[in-house]
Amino acid sequence: MIGDILNKTRKSQGLTAQQMADYLSINLRSYRAYESNDRQPSLQMLIKIANKLNVTTDYLLNRTHELNSGNEI
């Protein structure tokens, strides 16, 4: 599920859950709900998360194993 991938990817990049929450302008509890699969991020939030982690939304949705498309936005 997205939460597992999100947690693994965030940790592999050395980011804390608090840093992610701050970047997304949400509280820590809301961010942790994404990682625990209690809540799904909106499309806009998913895009912001992917941008911060430098991965594709498809990667976060487990639709591909490629981290990024190689295209800069």
PDB file of N, CA and C in Angstrom:
ATOM      1  N   MET A   1       0.837  -1.186   0.000  1.00  0.00           N
ATOM      2  CA  MET A   1       0.000   0.000   0.000  1.00  0.00           C
ATOM      3  C   MET A   1       0.876   1.241   0.000  1.00  0.00           C
ATOM      4  N   ILE A   2       0.267   2.349  -0.303  1.00  0.00           N
ATOM      5  CA  ILE A   2       1.012   3.602  -0.445  1.00  0.00           C
ATOM      6  C   ILE A   2       1.764   3.972   0.829  1.00  0.00           C
ATOM      7  N   GLY A   3       1.189   3.722   1.980  1.00  0.00           N
ATOM      8  CA  GLY A   3       1.834   4.082   3.238  1.00  0.00           C
ATOM      9  C   GLY A   3       3.164   3.386   3.444  1.00  0.00           C
ATOM     10  N   ASP A   4       3.217   2.122   3.095  1.00  0.00           N
ATOM     11  CA  ASP A   4       4.457   1.360   3.232  1.00  0.00           C
ATOM     12  C   ASP A   4       5.545   1.902   2.312  1.00  0.00           C
ATOM     13  N   ILE A   5       5.172   2.204   1.078  1.00  0.00           N
ATOM     14  CA  ILE A   5       6.126   2.743   0.110  1.00  0.00           C
ATOM     15  C   ILE A   5       6.569   4.140   0.548  1.00  0.00           C
ATOM     16  N   LEU A   6       5.629   4.929   1.001  1.00  0.00           N
ATOM     17  CA  LEU A   6       5.938   6.278   1.459  1.00  0.00           C
ATOM     18  C   LEU A   6       6.912   6.246   2.632  1.00  0.00           C
ATOM     19  N   ASN A   7       6.656   5.392   3.589  1.00  0.00           N
ATOM     20  CA  ASN A   7       7.518   5.271   4.763  1.00  0.00           C
ATOM     21  C   ASN A   7       8.925   4.840   4.368  1.00  0.00           C
ATOM     22  N   LYS A   8       9.014   3.817   3.561  1.00  0.00           N
ATOM     23  CA  LYS A   8      10.317   3.289   3.124  1.00  0.00           C
ATOM     24  C   LYS A   8      11.109   4.337   2.332  1.00  0.00           C
ATOM     25  N   THR A   9      10.440   5.017   1.420  1.00  0.00           N
ATOM     26  CA  THR A   9      11.109   6.007   0.578  1.00  0.00           C
ATOM     27  C   THR A   9      11.574   7.204   1.406  1.00  0.00           C
ATOM     28  N   ARG A  10      10.726   7.681   2.289  1.00  0.00           N
ATOM     29  CA  ARG A  10      11.094   8.811   3.152  1.00  0.00           C
ATOM     30  C   ARG A  10      12.320   8.468   3.976  1.00  0.00           C
ATOM     31  N   LYS A  11      12.307   7.316   4.609  1.00  0.00           N
ATOM     32  CA  LYS A  11      13.418   6.912   5.456  1.00  0.00           C
ATOM     33  C   LYS A  11      14.702   6.722   4.653  1.00  0.00           C
ATOM     34  N   SER A  12      14.589   6.189   3.445  1.00  0.00           N
ATOM     35  CA  SER A  12      15.781   5.968   2.618  1.00  0.00           C
ATOM     36  C   SER A  12      16.443   7.279   2.227  1.00  0.00           C
ATOM     37  N   GLN A  13      15.671   8.363   2.274  1.00  0.00           N
ATOM     38  CA  GLN A  13      16.215   9.673   1.932  1.00  0.00           C
ATOM     39  C   GLN A  13      16.611  10.475   3.167  1.00  0.00           C
ATOM     40  N   GLY A  14      16.505   9.847   4.328  1.00  0.00           N
ATOM     41  CA  GLY A  14      16.934  10.497   5.559  1.00  0.00           C
ATOM     42  C   GLY A  14      16.024  11.606   6.044  1.00  0.00           C
ATOM     43  N   LEU A  15      14.771  11.562   5.649  1.00  0.00           N
ATOM     44  CA  LEU A  15      13.812  12.574   6.081  1.00  0.00           C
ATOM     45  C   LEU A  15      12.977  12.059   7.239  1.00  0.00           C
ATOM     46  N   THR A  16      12.637  12.943   8.151  1.00  0.00           N
ATOM     47  CA  THR A  16      11.758  12.573   9.251  1.00  0.00           C
ATOM     48  C   THR A  16      10.305  12.810   8.841  1.00  0.00           C
ATOM     49  N   ALA A  17       9.413  12.177   9.565  1.00  0.00           N
ATOM     50  CA  ALA A  17       7.989  12.396   9.321  1.00  0.00           C
ATOM     51  C   ALA A  17       7.634  13.860   9.576  1.00  0.00           C
ATOM     52  N   GLN A  18       8.272  14.467  10.563  1.00  0.00           N
ATOM     53  CA  GLN A  18       8.014  15.881  10.854  1.00  0.00           C
ATOM     54  C   GLN A  18       8.461  16.770   9.697  1.00  0.00           C
ATOM     55  N   GLN A  19       9.591  16.473   9.094  1.00  0.00           N
ATOM     56  CA  GLN A  19      10.055  17.251   7.945  1.00  0.00           C
ATOM     57  C   GLN A  19       9.064  17.151   6.787  1.00  0.00           C
ATOM     58  N   MET A  20       8.540  15.965   6.569  1.00  0.00           N
ATOM     59  CA  MET A  20       7.548  15.800   5.506  1.00  0.00           C
ATOM     60  C   MET A  20       6.286  16.579   5.822  1.00  0.00           C
ATOM     61  N   ALA A  21       5.814  16.468   7.051  1.00  0.00           N
ATOM     62  CA  ALA A  21       4.610  17.194   7.450  1.00  0.00           C
ATOM     63  C   ALA A  21       4.805  18.695   7.279  1.00  0.00           C
ATOM     64  N   ASP A  22       5.958  19.190   7.688  1.00  0.00           N
ATOM     65  CA  ASP A  22       6.247  20.626   7.543  1.00  0.00           C
ATOM     66  C   ASP A  22       6.245  21.033   6.074  1.00  0.00           C
ATOM     67  N   TYR A  23       6.886  20.246   5.228  1.00  0.00           N
ATOM     68  CA  TYR A  23       6.946  20.540   3.796  1.00  0.00           C
ATOM     69  C   TYR A  23       5.539  20.577   3.191  1.00  0.00           C
ATOM     70  N   LEU A  24       4.685  19.662   3.646  1.00  0.00           N
ATOM     71  CA  LEU A  24       3.333  19.557   3.104  1.00  0.00           C
ATOM     72  C   LEU A  24       2.354  20.517   3.773  1.00  0.00           C
ATOM     73  N   SER A  25       2.817  21.246   4.785  1.00  0.00           N
ATOM     74  CA  SER A  25       1.978  22.189   5.542  1.00  0.00           C
ATOM     75  C   SER A  25       0.786  21.500   6.193  1.00  0.00           C
ATOM     76  N   ILE A  26       1.056  20.322   6.771  1.00  0.00           N
ATOM     77  CA  ILE A  26       0.034  19.597   7.523  1.00  0.00           C
ATOM     78  C   ILE A  26       0.636  19.213   8.869  1.00  0.00           C
ATOM     79  N   ASN A  27      -0.214  18.805   9.800  1.00  0.00           N
ATOM     80  CA  ASN A  27       0.343  18.408  11.092  1.00  0.00           C
ATOM     81  C   ASN A  27       0.889  16.982  11.019  1.00  0.00           C
ATOM     82  N   LEU A  28       1.736  16.656  11.971  1.00  0.00           N
ATOM     83  CA  LEU A  28       2.407  15.359  11.985  1.00  0.00           C
ATOM     84  C   LEU A  28       1.407  14.209  12.038  1.00  0.00           C
ATOM     85  N   ARG A  29       0.365  14.372  12.799  1.00  0.00           N
ATOM     86  CA  ARG A  29      -0.646  13.313  12.918  1.00  0.00           C
ATOM     87  C   ARG A  29      -1.275  12.983  11.558  1.00  0.00           C
ATOM     88  N   SER A  30      -1.567  14.009  10.774  1.00  0.00           N
ATOM     89  CA  SER A  30      -2.139  13.799   9.444  1.00  0.00           C
ATOM     90  C   SER A  30      -1.154  13.080   8.535  1.00  0.00           C
ATOM     91  N   TYR A  31       0.109  13.474   8.604  1.00  0.00           N
ATOM     92  CA  TYR A  31       1.107  12.810   7.775  1.00  0.00           C
ATOM     93  C   TYR A  31       1.261  11.343   8.175  1.00  0.00           C
ATOM     94  N   ARG A  32       1.325  11.095   9.455  1.00  0.00           N
ATOM     95  CA  ARG A  32       1.472   9.709   9.924  1.00  0.00           C
ATOM     96  C   ARG A  32       0.285   8.843   9.493  1.00  0.00           C
ATOM     97  N   ALA A  33      -0.878   9.448   9.354  1.00  0.00           N
ATOM     98  CA  ALA A  33      -2.057   8.707   8.881  1.00  0.00           C
ATOM     99  C   ALA A  33      -1.840   8.207   7.452  1.00  0.00           C
ATOM    100  N   TYR A  34      -1.099   8.964   6.635  1.00  0.00           N
ATOM    101  CA  TYR A  34      -0.768   8.500   5.287  1.00  0.00           C
ATOM    102  C   TYR A  34       0.126   7.261   5.366  1.00  0.00           C
ATOM    103  N   GLU A  35       1.149   7.332   6.199  1.00  0.00           N
ATOM    104  CA  GLU A  35       2.103   6.222   6.286  1.00  0.00           C
ATOM    105  C   GLU A  35       1.518   4.975   6.948  1.00  0.00           C
ATOM    106  N   SER A  36       0.500   5.151   7.760  1.00  0.00           N
ATOM    107  CA  SER A  36      -0.115   3.992   8.412  1.00  0.00           C
ATOM    108  C   SER A  36      -1.328   3.473   7.627  1.00  0.00           C
ATOM    109  N   ASN A  37      -1.556   4.061   6.452  1.00  0.00           N
ATOM    110  CA  ASN A  37      -2.668   3.670   5.577  1.00  0.00           C
ATOM    111  C   ASN A  37      -4.039   3.907   6.193  1.00  0.00           C
ATOM    112  N   ASP A  38      -4.109   4.818   7.171  1.00  0.00           N
ATOM    113  CA  ASP A  38      -5.397   5.175   7.748  1.00  0.00           C
ATOM    114  C   ASP A  38      -6.107   6.241   6.916  1.00  0.00           C
ATOM    115  N   ARG A  39      -5.325   6.914   6.076  1.00  0.00           N
ATOM    116  CA  ARG A  39      -5.857   8.007   5.262  1.00  0.00           C
ATOM    117  C   ARG A  39      -5.073   8.044   3.953  1.00  0.00           C
ATOM    118  N   GLN A  40      -5.750   8.368   2.854  1.00  0.00           N
ATOM    119  CA  GLN A  40      -5.099   8.458   1.555  1.00  0.00           C
ATOM    120  C   GLN A  40      -4.913   9.928   1.185  1.00  0.00           C
ATOM    121  N   PRO A  41      -3.734  10.283   0.677  1.00  0.00           N
ATOM    122  CA  PRO A  41      -3.521  11.683   0.277  1.00  0.00           C
ATOM    123  C   PRO A  41      -4.342  12.029  -0.960  1.00  0.00           C
ATOM    124  N   SER A  42      -4.732  13.283  -1.055  1.00  0.00           N
ATOM    125  CA  SER A  42      -5.419  13.762  -2.254  1.00  0.00           C
ATOM    126  C   SER A  42      -4.438  13.738  -3.421  1.00  0.00           C
ATOM    127  N   LEU A  43      -4.932  13.902  -4.615  1.00  0.00           N
ATOM    128  CA  LEU A  43      -4.072  13.930  -5.791  1.00  0.00           C
ATOM    129  C   LEU A  43      -3.035  15.050  -5.681  1.00  0.00           C
ATOM    130  N   GLN A  44      -3.469  16.226  -5.262  1.00  0.00           N
ATOM    131  CA  GLN A  44      -2.548  17.353  -5.122  1.00  0.00           C
ATOM    132  C   GLN A  44      -1.472  17.051  -4.081  1.00  0.00           C
ATOM    133  N   MET A  45      -1.855  16.428  -2.988  1.00  0.00           N
ATOM    134  CA  MET A  45      -0.906  16.080  -1.936  1.00  0.00           C
ATOM    135  C   MET A  45       0.048  14.993  -2.424  1.00  0.00           C
ATOM    136  N   LEU A  46      -0.461  14.030  -3.170  1.00  0.00           N
ATOM    137  CA  LEU A  46       0.376  12.965  -3.714  1.00  0.00           C
ATOM    138  C   LEU A  46       1.458  13.546  -4.626  1.00  0.00           C
ATOM    139  N   ILE A  47       1.098  14.517  -5.419  1.00  0.00           N
ATOM    140  CA  ILE A  47       2.060  15.177  -6.312  1.00  0.00           C
ATOM    141  C   ILE A  47       3.127  15.903  -5.501  1.00  0.00           C
ATOM    142  N   LYS A  48       2.719  16.609  -4.455  1.00  0.00           N
ATOM    143  CA  LYS A  48       3.692  17.294  -3.597  1.00  0.00           C
ATOM    144  C   LYS A  48       4.645  16.308  -2.924  1.00  0.00           C
ATOM    145  N   ILE A  49       4.100  15.197  -2.461  1.00  0.00           N
ATOM    146  CA  ILE A  49       4.925  14.164  -1.819  1.00  0.00           C
ATOM    147  C   ILE A  49       5.934  13.609  -2.823  1.00  0.00           C
ATOM    148  N   ALA A  50       5.462  13.291  -4.020  1.00  0.00           N
ATOM    149  CA  ALA A  50       6.350  12.754  -5.062  1.00  0.00           C
ATOM    150  C   ALA A  50       7.451  13.752  -5.397  1.00  0.00           C
ATOM    151  N   ASN A  51       7.103  15.011  -5.494  1.00  0.00           N
ATOM    152  CA  ASN A  51       8.106  16.036  -5.793  1.00  0.00           C
ATOM    153  C   ASN A  51       9.153  16.123  -4.693  1.00  0.00           C
ATOM    154  N   LYS A  52       8.722  16.105  -3.455  1.00  0.00           N
ATOM    155  CA  LYS A  52       9.661  16.198  -2.330  1.00  0.00           C
ATOM    156  C   LYS A  52      10.595  14.989  -2.297  1.00  0.00           C
ATOM    157  N   LEU A  53      10.068  13.816  -2.579  1.00  0.00           N
ATOM    158  CA  LEU A  53      10.863  12.594  -2.524  1.00  0.00           C
ATOM    159  C   LEU A  53      11.581  12.293  -3.847  1.00  0.00           C
ATOM    160  N   ASN A  54      11.333  13.144  -4.850  1.00  0.00           N
ATOM    161  CA  ASN A  54      11.944  12.983  -6.174  1.00  0.00           C
ATOM    162  C   ASN A  54      11.649  11.609  -6.775  1.00  0.00           C
ATOM    163  N   VAL A  55      10.382  11.208  -6.685  1.00  0.00           N
ATOM    164  CA  VAL A  55       9.903   9.969  -7.288  1.00  0.00           C
ATOM    165  C   VAL A  55       8.641  10.287  -8.082  1.00  0.00           C
ATOM    166  N   THR A  56       8.191   9.338  -8.885  1.00  0.00           N
ATOM    167  CA  THR A  56       6.950   9.533  -9.628  1.00  0.00           C
ATOM    168  C   THR A  56       5.757   9.171  -8.750  1.00  0.00           C
ATOM    169  N   THR A  57       4.611   9.687  -9.120  1.00  0.00           N
ATOM    170  CA  THR A  57       3.391   9.285  -8.420  1.00  0.00           C
ATOM    171  C   THR A  57       3.116   7.809  -8.674  1.00  0.00           C
ATOM    172  N   ASP A  58       3.463   7.324  -9.860  1.00  0.00           N
ATOM    173  CA  ASP A  58       3.297   5.893 -10.149  1.00  0.00           C
ATOM    174  C   ASP A  58       4.120   5.042  -9.191  1.00  0.00           C
ATOM    175  N   TYR A  59       5.313   5.499  -8.855  1.00  0.00           N
ATOM    176  CA  TYR A  59       6.146   4.765  -7.901  1.00  0.00           C
ATOM    177  C   TYR A  59       5.452   4.698  -6.540  1.00  0.00           C
ATOM    178  N   LEU A  60       4.922   5.822  -6.079  1.00  0.00           N
ATOM    179  CA  LEU A  60       4.243   5.840  -4.782  1.00  0.00           C
ATOM    180  C   LEU A  60       2.992   4.966  -4.788  1.00  0.00           C
ATOM    181  N   LEU A  61       2.347   4.873  -5.947  1.00  0.00           N
ATOM    182  CA  LEU A  61       1.134   4.060  -6.075  1.00  0.00           C
ATOM    183  C   LEU A  61       1.447   2.608  -6.409  1.00  0.00           C
ATOM    184  N   ASN A  62       2.740   2.264  -6.427  1.00  0.00           N
ATOM    185  CA  ASN A  62       3.213   0.913  -6.703  1.00  0.00           C
ATOM    186  C   ASN A  62       2.825   0.430  -8.099  1.00  0.00           C
ATOM    187  N   ARG A  63       2.822   1.366  -9.057  1.00  0.00           N
ATOM    188  CA  ARG A  63       2.515   1.023 -10.446  1.00  0.00           C
ATOM    189  C   ARG A  63       3.784   0.821 -11.262  1.00  0.00           C
ATOM    190  N   THR A  64       4.928   1.195 -10.704  1.00  0.00           N
ATOM    191  CA  THR A  64       6.214   1.019 -11.359  1.00  0.00           C
ATOM    192  C   THR A  64       7.289   0.931 -10.292  1.00  0.00           C
ATOM    193  N   HIS A  65       8.416   0.360 -10.643  1.00  0.00           N
ATOM    194  CA  HIS A  65       9.540   0.288  -9.700  1.00  0.00           C
ATOM    195  C   HIS A  65      10.585   1.339 -10.006  1.00  0.00           C
ATOM    196  N   GLU A  66      10.355   2.148 -11.071  1.00  0.00           N
ATOM    197  CA  GLU A  66      11.264   3.243 -11.383  1.00  0.00           C
ATOM    198  C   GLU A  66      11.013   4.375 -10.423  1.00  0.00           C
ATOM    199  N   LEU A  67      12.093   4.900  -9.849  1.00  0.00           N
ATOM    200  CA  LEU A  67      11.954   5.977  -8.876  1.00  0.00           C
ATOM    201  C   LEU A  67      11.461   7.261  -9.508  1.00  0.00           C
ATOM    202  N   ASN A  68      12.058   7.655 -10.635  1.00  0.00           N
ATOM    203  CA  ASN A  68      11.610   8.879 -11.288  1.00  0.00           C
ATOM    204  C   ASN A  68      11.691   8.730 -12.782  1.00  0.00           C
ATOM    205  N   SER A  69      11.034   9.636 -13.464  1.00  0.00           N
ATOM    206  CA  SER A  69      10.932   9.559 -14.914  1.00  0.00           C
ATOM    207  C   SER A  69      12.151  10.147 -15.602  1.00  0.00           C
ATOM    208  N   GLY A  70      12.992  10.860 -14.847  1.00  0.00           N
ATOM    209  CA  GLY A  70      14.130  11.526 -15.452  1.00  0.00           C
ATOM    210  C   GLY A  70      13.782  12.878 -16.039  1.00  0.00           C
ATOM    211  N   ASN A  71      12.510  13.239 -16.016  1.00  0.00           N
ATOM    212  CA  ASN A  71      12.069  14.529 -16.520  1.00  0.00           C
ATOM    213  C   ASN A  71      11.976  15.521 -15.383  1.00  0.00           C
ATOM    214  N   GLU A  72      12.512  16.680 -15.589  1.00  0.00           N
ATOM    215  CA  GLU A  72      12.395  17.748 -14.596  1.00  0.00           C
ATOM    216  C   GLU A  72      11.138  18.532 -14.863  1.00  0.00           C
ATOM    217  N   ILE A  73      10.481  18.949 -13.818  1.00  0.00           N
ATOM    218  CA  ILE A  73       9.256  19.742 -13.963  1.00  0.00           C
ATOM    219  C   ILE A  73       9.605  21.201 -13.885  1.00  0.00           C
TER     220      ILE A  73
END
